[in-house]
Amino acid sequence: PGLPTYIPPLLFWLLVLAAAVAILISLYRFFVAEPSERVN
């Protein structure tokens, strides 16, 4: 995407991958949490 500064493509896609993994792991932890721990 058009970014205002140059970021090497490999670094950009590593950041995107890290963000996606963090979102997926935290969402998975929400889905498998016990009812008493779902809010956390």
ModelCIF file with pLDDT and N, C-alpha, C, O atoms, coordinates in Angstrom:
data_MODEL
#
_entry.id   MODEL 
#
_entity.id                         1 
_entity.type                       polymer 
_entity.pdbx_number_of_molecules   1 
#
_entity_poly.entity_id                      1 
_entity_poly.type                           'polypeptide(L)' 
_entity_poly.nstd_linkage                   no 
_entity_poly.nstd_monomer                   no 
_entity_poly.pdbx_seq_one_letter_code       PGLPTYIPPLLFWLLVLAAAVAILISLYRFFVAEPSERVN 
_entity_poly.pdbx_seq_one_letter_code_can   PGLPTYIPPLLFWLLVLAAAVAILISLYRFFVAEPSERVN 
_entity_poly.pdbx_strand_id                 A 
#
loop_
_entity_poly_seq.entity_id 
_entity_poly_seq.num 
_entity_poly_seq.mon_id 
_entity_poly_seq.hetero 
1 1  PRO n 
1 2  GLY n 
1 3  LEU n 
1 4  PRO n 
1 5  THR n 
1 6  TYR n 
1 7  ILE n 
1 8  PRO n 
1 9  PRO n 
1 10 LEU n 
1 11 LEU n 
1 12 PHE n 
1 13 TRP n 
1 14 LEU n 
1 15 LEU n 
1 16 VAL n 
1 17 LEU n 
1 18 ALA n 
1 19 ALA n 
1 20 ALA n 
1 21 VAL n 
1 22 ALA n 
1 23 ILE n 
1 24 LEU n 
1 25 ILE n 
1 26 SER n 
1 27 LEU n 
1 28 TYR n 
1 29 ARG n 
1 30 PHE n 
1 31 PHE n 
1 32 VAL n 
1 33 ALA n 
1 34 GLU n 
1 35 PRO n 
1 36 SER n 
1 37 GLU n 
1 38 ARG n 
1 39 VAL n 
1 40 ASN n 
#
_struct_asym.id          A 
_struct_asym.entity_id   1 
#
loop_
_ma_qa_metric.id 
_ma_qa_metric.mode 
_ma_qa_metric.name 
_ma_qa_metric.software_group_id 
_ma_qa_metric.type 
1 global pLDDT . pLDDT 
2 local  pLDDT . pLDDT 
#
_ma_qa_metric_global.metric_id      1 
_ma_qa_metric_global.metric_value   85.83 
_ma_qa_metric_global.model_id       1 
_ma_qa_metric_global.ordinal_id     1 
#
loop_
_ma_qa_metric_local.label_asym_id 
_ma_qa_metric_local.label_comp_id 
_ma_qa_metric_local.label_seq_id 
_ma_qa_metric_local.metric_id 
_ma_qa_metric_local.metric_value 
_ma_qa_metric_local.model_id 
_ma_qa_metric_local.ordinal_id 
A PRO 1  2 64.00 1 1  
A GLY 2  2 69.00 1 2  
A LEU 3  2 67.00 1 3  
A PRO 4  2 66.00 1 4  
A THR 5  2 69.00 1 5  
A TYR 6  2 76.00 1 6  
A ILE 7  2 76.00 1 7  
A PRO 8  2 80.00 1 8  
A PRO 9  2 78.00 1 9  
A LEU 10 2 84.00 1 10 
A LEU 11 2 84.00 1 11 
A PHE 12 2 80.00 1 12 
A TRP 13 2 83.00 1 13 
A LEU 14 2 89.00 1 14 
A LEU 15 2 86.00 1 15 
A VAL 16 2 87.00 1 16 
A LEU 17 2 92.00 1 17 
A ALA 18 2 92.00 1 18 
A ALA 19 2 92.00 1 19 
A ALA 20 2 93.00 1 20 
A VAL 21 2 94.00 1 21 
A ALA 22 2 92.00 1 22 
A ILE 23 2 93.00 1 23 
A LEU 24 2 94.00 1 24 
A ILE 25 2 93.00 1 25 
A SER 26 2 92.00 1 26 
A LEU 27 2 91.00 1 27 
A TYR 28 2 93.00 1 28 
A ARG 29 2 91.00 1 29 
A PHE 30 2 89.00 1 30 
A PHE 31 2 91.00 1 31 
A VAL 32 2 92.00 1 32 
A ALA 33 2 89.00 1 33 
A GLU 34 2 91.00 1 34 
A PRO 35 2 89.00 1 35 
A SER 36 2 89.00 1 36 
A GLU 37 2 90.00 1 37 
A ARG 38 2 90.00 1 38 
A VAL 39 2 92.00 1 39 
A ASN 40 2 91.00 1 40 
#
loop_
_atom_site.group_PDB 
_atom_site.id 
_atom_site.type_symbol 
_atom_site.label_atom_id 
_atom_site.label_alt_id 
_atom_site.label_comp_id 
_atom_site.label_asym_id 
_atom_site.label_entity_id 
_atom_site.label_seq_id 
_atom_site.pdbx_PDB_ins_code 
_atom_site.Cartn_x 
_atom_site.Cartn_y 
_atom_site.Cartn_z 
_atom_site.occupancy 
_atom_site.B_iso_or_equiv 
_atom_site.pdbx_formal_charge 
_atom_site.auth_seq_id 
_atom_site.auth_comp_id 
_atom_site.auth_asym_id 
_atom_site.auth_atom_id 
_atom_site.pdbx_PDB_model_num 
ATOM 1   N N  . PRO A 1 1  ? 0.840   -1.197  0.000  1.00 64.00 ? 1  PRO A N  1 
ATOM 2   C CA . PRO A 1 1  ? 0.000   0.000   0.000  1.00 64.00 ? 1  PRO A CA 1 
ATOM 3   C C  . PRO A 1 1  ? 0.875   1.246   0.000  1.00 64.00 ? 1  PRO A C  1 
ATOM 4   O O  . PRO A 1 1  ? 2.047   1.196   0.372  1.00 64.00 ? 1  PRO A O  1 
ATOM 5   N N  . GLY A 1 2  ? 0.302   2.344   -0.414 1.00 69.00 ? 2  GLY A N  1 
ATOM 6   C CA . GLY A 1 2  ? 1.063   3.589   -0.459 1.00 69.00 ? 2  GLY A CA 1 
ATOM 7   C C  . GLY A 1 2  ? 1.373   4.097   0.937  1.00 69.00 ? 2  GLY A C  1 
ATOM 8   O O  . GLY A 1 2  ? 0.496   4.625   1.620  1.00 69.00 ? 2  GLY A O  1 
ATOM 9   N N  . LEU A 1 3  ? 2.605   3.941   1.358  1.00 67.00 ? 3  LEU A N  1 
ATOM 10  C CA . LEU A 1 3  ? 3.027   4.419   2.679  1.00 67.00 ? 3  LEU A CA 1 
ATOM 11  C C  . LEU A 1 3  ? 3.823   5.701   2.501  1.00 67.00 ? 3  LEU A C  1 
ATOM 12  O O  . LEU A 1 3  ? 4.478   5.871   1.473  1.00 67.00 ? 3  LEU A O  1 
ATOM 13  N N  . PRO A 1 4  ? 3.786   6.612   3.474  1.00 66.00 ? 4  PRO A N  1 
ATOM 14  C CA . PRO A 1 4  ? 4.500   7.880   3.323  1.00 66.00 ? 4  PRO A CA 1 
ATOM 15  C C  . PRO A 1 4  ? 6.016   7.726   3.387  1.00 66.00 ? 4  PRO A C  1 
ATOM 16  O O  . PRO A 1 4  ? 6.736   8.592   2.888  1.00 66.00 ? 4  PRO A O  1 
ATOM 17  N N  . THR A 1 5  ? 6.515   6.661   3.982  1.00 69.00 ? 5  THR A N  1 
ATOM 18  C CA . THR A 1 5  ? 7.960   6.435   4.058  1.00 69.00 ? 5  THR A CA 1 
ATOM 19  C C  . THR A 1 5  ? 8.264   5.068   3.458  1.00 69.00 ? 5  THR A C  1 
ATOM 20  O O  . THR A 1 5  ? 7.378   4.221   3.340  1.00 69.00 ? 5  THR A O  1 
ATOM 21  N N  . TYR A 1 6  ? 9.510   4.864   3.085  1.00 76.00 ? 6  TYR A N  1 
ATOM 22  C CA . TYR A 1 6  ? 9.894   3.582   2.500  1.00 76.00 ? 6  TYR A CA 1 
ATOM 23  C C  . TYR A 1 6  ? 10.154  2.574   3.603  1.00 76.00 ? 6  TYR A C  1 
ATOM 24  O O  . TYR A 1 6  ? 10.913  2.838   4.535  1.00 76.00 ? 6  TYR A O  1 
ATOM 25  N N  . ILE A 1 7  ? 9.531   1.437   3.492  1.00 76.00 ? 7  ILE A N  1 
ATOM 26  C CA . ILE A 1 7  ? 9.760   0.311   4.393  1.00 76.00 ? 7  ILE A CA 1 
ATOM 27  C C  . ILE A 1 7  ? 10.099  -0.869  3.496  1.00 76.00 ? 7  ILE A C  1 
ATOM 28  O O  . ILE A 1 7  ? 9.370   -1.144  2.543  1.00 76.00 ? 7  ILE A O  1 
ATOM 29  N N  . PRO A 1 8  ? 11.194  -1.574  3.781  1.00 80.00 ? 8  PRO A N  1 
ATOM 30  C CA . PRO A 1 8  ? 11.516  -2.736  2.945  1.00 80.00 ? 8  PRO A CA 1 
ATOM 31  C C  . PRO A 1 8  ? 10.345  -3.716  2.919  1.00 80.00 ? 8  PRO A C  1 
ATOM 32  O O  . PRO A 1 8  ? 9.735   -3.978  3.955  1.00 80.00 ? 8  PRO A O  1 
ATOM 33  N N  . PRO A 1 9  ? 10.029  -4.257  1.747  1.00 78.00 ? 9  PRO A N  1 
ATOM 34  C CA . PRO A 1 9  ? 8.865   -5.145  1.638  1.00 78.00 ? 9  PRO A CA 1 
ATOM 35  C C  . PRO A 1 9  ? 8.899   -6.330  2.597  1.00 78.00 ? 9  PRO A C  1 
ATOM 36  O O  . PRO A 1 9  ? 7.862   -6.708  3.142  1.00 78.00 ? 9  PRO A O  1 
ATOM 37  N N  . LEU A 1 10 ? 10.059  -6.913  2.810  1.00 84.00 ? 10 LEU A N  1 
ATOM 38  C CA . LEU A 1 10 ? 10.154  -8.049  3.720  1.00 84.00 ? 10 LEU A CA 1 
ATOM 39  C C  . LEU A 1 10 ? 9.794   -7.632  5.143  1.00 84.00 ? 10 LEU A C  1 
ATOM 40  O O  . LEU A 1 10 ? 9.081   -8.355  5.840  1.00 84.00 ? 10 LEU A O  1 
ATOM 41  N N  . LEU A 1 11 ? 10.278  -6.485  5.573  1.00 84.00 ? 11 LEU A N  1 
ATOM 42  C CA . LEU A 1 11 ? 9.953   -5.996  6.911  1.00 84.00 ? 11 LEU A CA 1 
ATOM 43  C C  . LEU A 1 11 ? 8.462   -5.691  7.028  1.00 84.00 ? 11 LEU A C  1 
ATOM 44  O O  . LEU A 1 11 ? 7.841   -5.996  8.046  1.00 84.00 ? 11 LEU A O  1 
ATOM 45  N N  . PHE A 1 12 ? 7.893   -5.095  5.994  1.00 80.00 ? 12 PHE A N  1 
ATOM 46  C CA . PHE A 1 12 ? 6.467   -4.786  6.011  1.00 80.00 ? 12 PHE A CA 1 
ATOM 47  C C  . PHE A 1 12 ? 5.633   -6.049  6.153  1.00 80.00 ? 12 PHE A C  1 
ATOM 48  O O  . PHE A 1 12 ? 4.723   -6.100  6.981  1.00 80.00 ? 12 PHE A O  1 
ATOM 49  N N  . TRP A 1 13 ? 5.935   -7.078  5.349  1.00 83.00 ? 13 TRP A N  1 
ATOM 50  C CA . TRP A 1 13 ? 5.145   -8.298  5.408  1.00 83.00 ? 13 TRP A CA 1 
ATOM 51  C C  . TRP A 1 13 ? 5.398   -9.074  6.694  1.00 83.00 ? 13 TRP A C  1 
ATOM 52  O O  . TRP A 1 13 ? 4.510   -9.788  7.160  1.00 83.00 ? 13 TRP A O  1 
ATOM 53  N N  . LEU A 1 14 ? 6.588   -8.951  7.280  1.00 89.00 ? 14 LEU A N  1 
ATOM 54  C CA . LEU A 1 14 ? 6.821   -9.561  8.596  1.00 89.00 ? 14 LEU A CA 1 
ATOM 55  C C  . LEU A 1 14 ? 5.979   -8.866  9.670  1.00 89.00 ? 14 LEU A C  1 
ATOM 56  O O  . LEU A 1 14 ? 5.459   -9.526  10.569 1.00 89.00 ? 14 LEU A O  1 
ATOM 57  N N  . LEU A 1 15 ? 5.842   -7.549  9.582  1.00 86.00 ? 15 LEU A N  1 
ATOM 58  C CA . LEU A 1 15 ? 4.984   -6.829  10.534 1.00 86.00 ? 15 LEU A CA 1 
ATOM 59  C C  . LEU A 1 15 ? 3.523   -7.230  10.363 1.00 86.00 ? 15 LEU A C  1 
ATOM 60  O O  . LEU A 1 15 ? 2.805   -7.408  11.347 1.00 86.00 ? 15 LEU A O  1 
ATOM 61  N N  . VAL A 1 16 ? 3.087   -7.370  9.123  1.00 87.00 ? 16 VAL A N  1 
ATOM 62  C CA . VAL A 1 16 ? 1.709   -7.794  8.868  1.00 87.00 ? 16 VAL A CA 1 
ATOM 63  C C  . VAL A 1 16 ? 1.484   -9.202  9.405  1.00 87.00 ? 16 VAL A C  1 
ATOM 64  O O  . VAL A 1 16 ? 0.457   -9.472  10.027 1.00 87.00 ? 16 VAL A O  1 
ATOM 65  N N  . LEU A 1 17 ? 2.432   -10.094 9.169  1.00 92.00 ? 17 LEU A N  1 
ATOM 66  C CA . LEU A 1 17 ? 2.321   -11.465 9.663  1.00 92.00 ? 17 LEU A CA 1 
ATOM 67  C C  . LEU A 1 17 ? 2.300   -11.508 11.188 1.00 92.00 ? 17 LEU A C  1 
ATOM 68  O O  . LEU A 1 17 ? 1.515   -12.252 11.776 1.00 92.00 ? 17 LEU A O  1 
ATOM 69  N N  . ALA A 1 18 ? 3.154   -10.717 11.831 1.00 92.00 ? 18 ALA A N  1 
ATOM 70  C CA . ALA A 1 18 ? 3.186   -10.691 13.298 1.00 92.00 ? 18 ALA A CA 1 
ATOM 71  C C  . ALA A 1 18 ? 1.861   -10.166 13.860 1.00 92.00 ? 18 ALA A C  1 
ATOM 72  O O  . ALA A 1 18 ? 1.354   -10.689 14.852 1.00 92.00 ? 18 ALA A O  1 
ATOM 73  N N  . ALA A 1 19 ? 1.307   -9.142  13.228 1.00 92.00 ? 19 ALA A N  1 
ATOM 74  C CA . ALA A 1 19 ? 0.017   -8.610  13.687 1.00 92.00 ? 19 ALA A CA 1 
ATOM 75  C C  . ALA A 1 19 ? -1.089  -9.648  13.508 1.00 92.00 ? 19 ALA A C  1 
ATOM 76  O O  . ALA A 1 19 ? -1.937  -9.808  14.386 1.00 92.00 ? 19 ALA A O  1 
ATOM 77  N N  . ALA A 1 20 ? -1.084  -10.350 12.378 1.00 93.00 ? 20 ALA A N  1 
ATOM 78  C CA . ALA A 1 20 ? -2.108  -11.364 12.137 1.00 93.00 ? 20 ALA A CA 1 
ATOM 79  C C  . ALA A 1 20 ? -2.000  -12.511 13.135 1.00 93.00 ? 20 ALA A C  1 
ATOM 80  O O  . ALA A 1 20 ? -3.014  -13.002 13.631 1.00 93.00 ? 20 ALA A O  1 
ATOM 81  N N  . VAL A 1 21 ? -0.782  -12.937 13.429 1.00 94.00 ? 21 VAL A N  1 
ATOM 82  C CA . VAL A 1 21 ? -0.588  -14.034 14.389 1.00 94.00 ? 21 VAL A CA 1 
ATOM 83  C C  . VAL A 1 21 ? -1.033  -13.596 15.780 1.00 94.00 ? 21 VAL A C  1 
ATOM 84  O O  . VAL A 1 21 ? -1.673  -14.366 16.496 1.00 94.00 ? 21 VAL A O  1 
ATOM 85  N N  . ALA A 1 22 ? -0.701  -12.363 16.169 1.00 92.00 ? 22 ALA A N  1 
ATOM 86  C CA . ALA A 1 22 ? -1.118  -11.871 17.490 1.00 92.00 ? 22 ALA A CA 1 
ATOM 87  C C  . ALA A 1 22 ? -2.639  -11.818 17.596 1.00 92.00 ? 22 ALA A C  1 
ATOM 88  O O  . ALA A 1 22 ? -3.205  -12.187 18.625 1.00 92.00 ? 22 ALA A O  1 
ATOM 89  N N  . ILE A 1 23 ? -3.295  -11.364 16.542 1.00 93.00 ? 23 ILE A N  1 
ATOM 90  C CA . ILE A 1 23 ? -4.763  -11.310 16.548 1.00 93.00 ? 23 ILE A CA 1 
ATOM 91  C C  . ILE A 1 23 ? -5.350  -12.711 16.617 1.00 93.00 ? 23 ILE A C  1 
ATOM 92  O O  . ILE A 1 23 ? -6.274  -12.962 17.391 1.00 93.00 ? 23 ILE A O  1 
ATOM 93  N N  . LEU A 1 24 ? -4.819  -13.620 15.815 1.00 94.00 ? 24 LEU A N  1 
ATOM 94  C CA . LEU A 1 24 ? -5.360  -14.981 15.807 1.00 94.00 ? 24 LEU A CA 1 
ATOM 95  C C  . LEU A 1 24 ? -5.159  -15.696 17.141 1.00 94.00 ? 24 LEU A C  1 
ATOM 96  O O  . LEU A 1 24 ? -6.065  -16.378 17.621 1.00 94.00 ? 24 LEU A O  1 
ATOM 97  N N  . ILE A 1 25 ? -3.989  -15.546 17.735 1.00 93.00 ? 25 ILE A N  1 
ATOM 98  C CA . ILE A 1 25 ? -3.731  -16.216 19.021 1.00 93.00 ? 25 ILE A CA 1 
ATOM 99  C C  . ILE A 1 25 ? -4.645  -15.665 20.106 1.00 93.00 ? 25 ILE A C  1 
ATOM 100 O O  . ILE A 1 25 ? -5.210  -16.426 20.892 1.00 93.00 ? 25 ILE A O  1 
ATOM 101 N N  . SER A 1 26 ? -4.793  -14.335 20.151 1.00 92.00 ? 26 SER A N  1 
ATOM 102 C CA . SER A 1 26 ? -5.649  -13.775 21.200 1.00 92.00 ? 26 SER A CA 1 
ATOM 103 C C  . SER A 1 26 ? -7.121  -14.120 20.959 1.00 92.00 ? 26 SER A C  1 
ATOM 104 O O  . SER A 1 26 ? -7.863  -14.331 21.918 1.00 92.00 ? 26 SER A O  1 
ATOM 105 N N  . LEU A 1 27 ? -7.552  -14.181 19.702 1.00 91.00 ? 27 LEU A N  1 
ATOM 106 C CA . LEU A 1 27 ? -8.931  -14.577 19.407 1.00 91.00 ? 27 LEU A CA 1 
ATOM 107 C C  . LEU A 1 27 ? -9.153  -16.050 19.755 1.00 91.00 ? 27 LEU A C  1 
ATOM 108 O O  . LEU A 1 27 ? -10.205 -16.410 20.285 1.00 91.00 ? 27 LEU A O  1 
ATOM 109 N N  . TYR A 1 28 ? -8.165  -16.904 19.459 1.00 93.00 ? 28 TYR A N  1 
ATOM 110 C CA . TYR A 1 28 ? -8.273  -18.323 19.805 1.00 93.00 ? 28 TYR A CA 1 
ATOM 111 C C  . TYR A 1 28 ? -8.365  -18.492 21.321 1.00 93.00 ? 28 TYR A C  1 
ATOM 112 O O  . TYR A 1 28 ? -9.156  -19.296 21.813 1.00 93.00 ? 28 TYR A O  1 
ATOM 113 N N  . ARG A 1 29 ? -7.555  -17.734 22.058 1.00 91.00 ? 29 ARG A N  1 
ATOM 114 C CA . ARG A 1 29 ? -7.610  -17.818 23.524 1.00 91.00 ? 29 ARG A CA 1 
ATOM 115 C C  . ARG A 1 29 ? -8.964  -17.376 24.049 1.00 91.00 ? 29 ARG A C  1 
ATOM 116 O O  . ARG A 1 29 ? -9.429  -17.886 25.067 1.00 91.00 ? 29 ARG A O  1 
ATOM 117 N N  . PHE A 1 30 ? -9.603  -16.432 23.366 1.00 89.00 ? 30 PHE A N  1 
ATOM 118 C CA . PHE A 1 30 ? -10.939 -16.005 23.770 1.00 89.00 ? 30 PHE A CA 1 
ATOM 119 C C  . PHE A 1 30 ? -11.949 -17.124 23.533 1.00 89.00 ? 30 PHE A C  1 
ATOM 120 O O  . PHE A 1 30 ? -12.798 -17.385 24.385 1.00 89.00 ? 30 PHE A O  1 
ATOM 121 N N  . PHE A 1 31 ? -11.863 -17.781 22.388 1.00 91.00 ? 31 PHE A N  1 
ATOM 122 C CA . PHE A 1 31 ? -12.832 -18.827 22.060 1.00 91.00 ? 31 PHE A CA 1 
ATOM 123 C C  . PHE A 1 31 ? -12.719 -20.052 22.965 1.00 91.00 ? 31 PHE A C  1 
ATOM 124 O O  . PHE A 1 31 ? -13.733 -20.667 23.294 1.00 91.00 ? 31 PHE A O  1 
ATOM 125 N N  . VAL A 1 32 ? -11.508 -20.415 23.370 1.00 92.00 ? 32 VAL A N  1 
ATOM 126 C CA . VAL A 1 32 ? -11.332 -21.631 24.171 1.00 92.00 ? 32 VAL A CA 1 
ATOM 127 C C  . VAL A 1 32 ? -11.283 -21.346 25.676 1.00 92.00 ? 32 VAL A C  1 
ATOM 128 O O  . VAL A 1 32 ? -11.107 -22.266 26.474 1.00 92.00 ? 32 VAL A O  1 
ATOM 129 N N  . ALA A 1 33 ? -11.438 -20.094 26.058 1.00 89.00 ? 33 ALA A N  1 
ATOM 130 C CA . ALA A 1 33 ? -11.375 -19.761 27.483 1.00 89.00 ? 33 ALA A CA 1 
ATOM 131 C C  . ALA A 1 33 ? -12.599 -20.306 28.218 1.00 89.00 ? 33 ALA A C  1 
ATOM 132 O O  . ALA A 1 33 ? -13.684 -20.444 27.653 1.00 89.00 ? 33 ALA A O  1 
ATOM 133 N N  . GLU A 1 34 ? -12.385 -20.604 29.473 1.00 91.00 ? 34 GLU A N  1 
ATOM 134 C CA . GLU A 1 34 ? -13.507 -21.013 30.312 1.00 91.00 ? 34 GLU A CA 1 
ATOM 135 C C  . GLU A 1 34 ? -14.422 -19.809 30.520 1.00 91.00 ? 34 GLU A C  1 
ATOM 136 O O  . GLU A 1 34 ? -13.971 -18.667 30.436 1.00 91.00 ? 34 GLU A O  1 
ATOM 137 N N  . PRO A 1 35 ? -15.695 -20.053 30.789 1.00 89.00 ? 35 PRO A N  1 
ATOM 138 C CA . PRO A 1 35 ? -16.638 -18.925 30.932 1.00 89.00 ? 35 PRO A CA 1 
ATOM 139 C C  . PRO A 1 35 ? -16.198 -17.882 31.952 1.00 89.00 ? 35 PRO A C  1 
ATOM 140 O O  . PRO A 1 35 ? -16.462 -16.694 31.765 1.00 89.00 ? 35 PRO A O  1 
ATOM 141 N N  . SER A 1 36 ? -15.542 -18.296 33.011 1.00 89.00 ? 36 SER A N  1 
ATOM 142 C CA . SER A 1 36 ? -15.124 -17.328 34.030 1.00 89.00 ? 36 SER A CA 1 
ATOM 143 C C  . SER A 1 36 ? -13.942 -16.478 33.569 1.00 89.00 ? 36 SER A C  1 
ATOM 144 O O  . SER A 1 36 ? -13.668 -15.439 34.170 1.00 89.00 ? 36 SER A O  1 
ATOM 145 N N  . GLU A 1 37 ? -13.240 -16.893 32.522 1.00 90.00 ? 37 GLU A N  1 
ATOM 146 C CA . GLU A 1 37 ? -12.059 -16.167 32.053 1.00 90.00 ? 37 GLU A CA 1 
ATOM 147 C C  . GLU A 1 37 ? -12.277 -15.478 30.718 1.00 90.00 ? 37 GLU A C  1 
ATOM 148 O O  . GLU A 1 37 ? -11.336 -14.923 30.151 1.00 90.00 ? 37 GLU A O  1 
ATOM 149 N N  . ARG A 1 38 ? -13.493 -15.503 30.208 1.00 90.00 ? 38 ARG A N  1 
ATOM 150 C CA . ARG A 1 38 ? -13.738 -14.925 28.882 1.00 90.00 ? 38 ARG A CA 1 
ATOM 151 C C  . ARG A 1 38 ? -13.575 -13.411 28.859 1.00 90.00 ? 38 ARG A C  1 
ATOM 152 O O  . ARG A 1 38 ? -13.134 -12.855 27.853 1.00 90.00 ? 38 ARG A O  1 
ATOM 153 N N  . VAL A 1 39 ? -13.919 -12.744 29.940 1.00 92.00 ? 39 VAL A N  1 
ATOM 154 C CA . VAL A 1 39 ? -13.779 -11.289 29.962 1.00 92.00 ? 39 VAL A CA 1 
ATOM 155 C C  . VAL A 1 39 ? -12.307 -10.909 29.846 1.00 92.00 ? 39 VAL A C  1 
ATOM 156 O O  . VAL A 1 39 ? -11.958 -10.014 29.076 1.00 92.00 ? 39 VAL A O  1 
ATOM 157 N N  . ASN A 1 40 ? -11.445 -11.578 30.601 1.00 91.00 ? 40 ASN A N  1 
ATOM 158 C CA . ASN A 1 40 ? -10.012 -11.296 30.519 1.00 91.00 ? 40 ASN A CA 1 
ATOM 159 C C  . ASN A 1 40 ? -9.476  -11.593 29.126 1.00 91.00 ? 40 ASN A C  1 
ATOM 160 O O  . ASN A 1 40 ? -8.285  -11.413 28.872 1.00 91.00 ? 40 ASN A O  1 
#
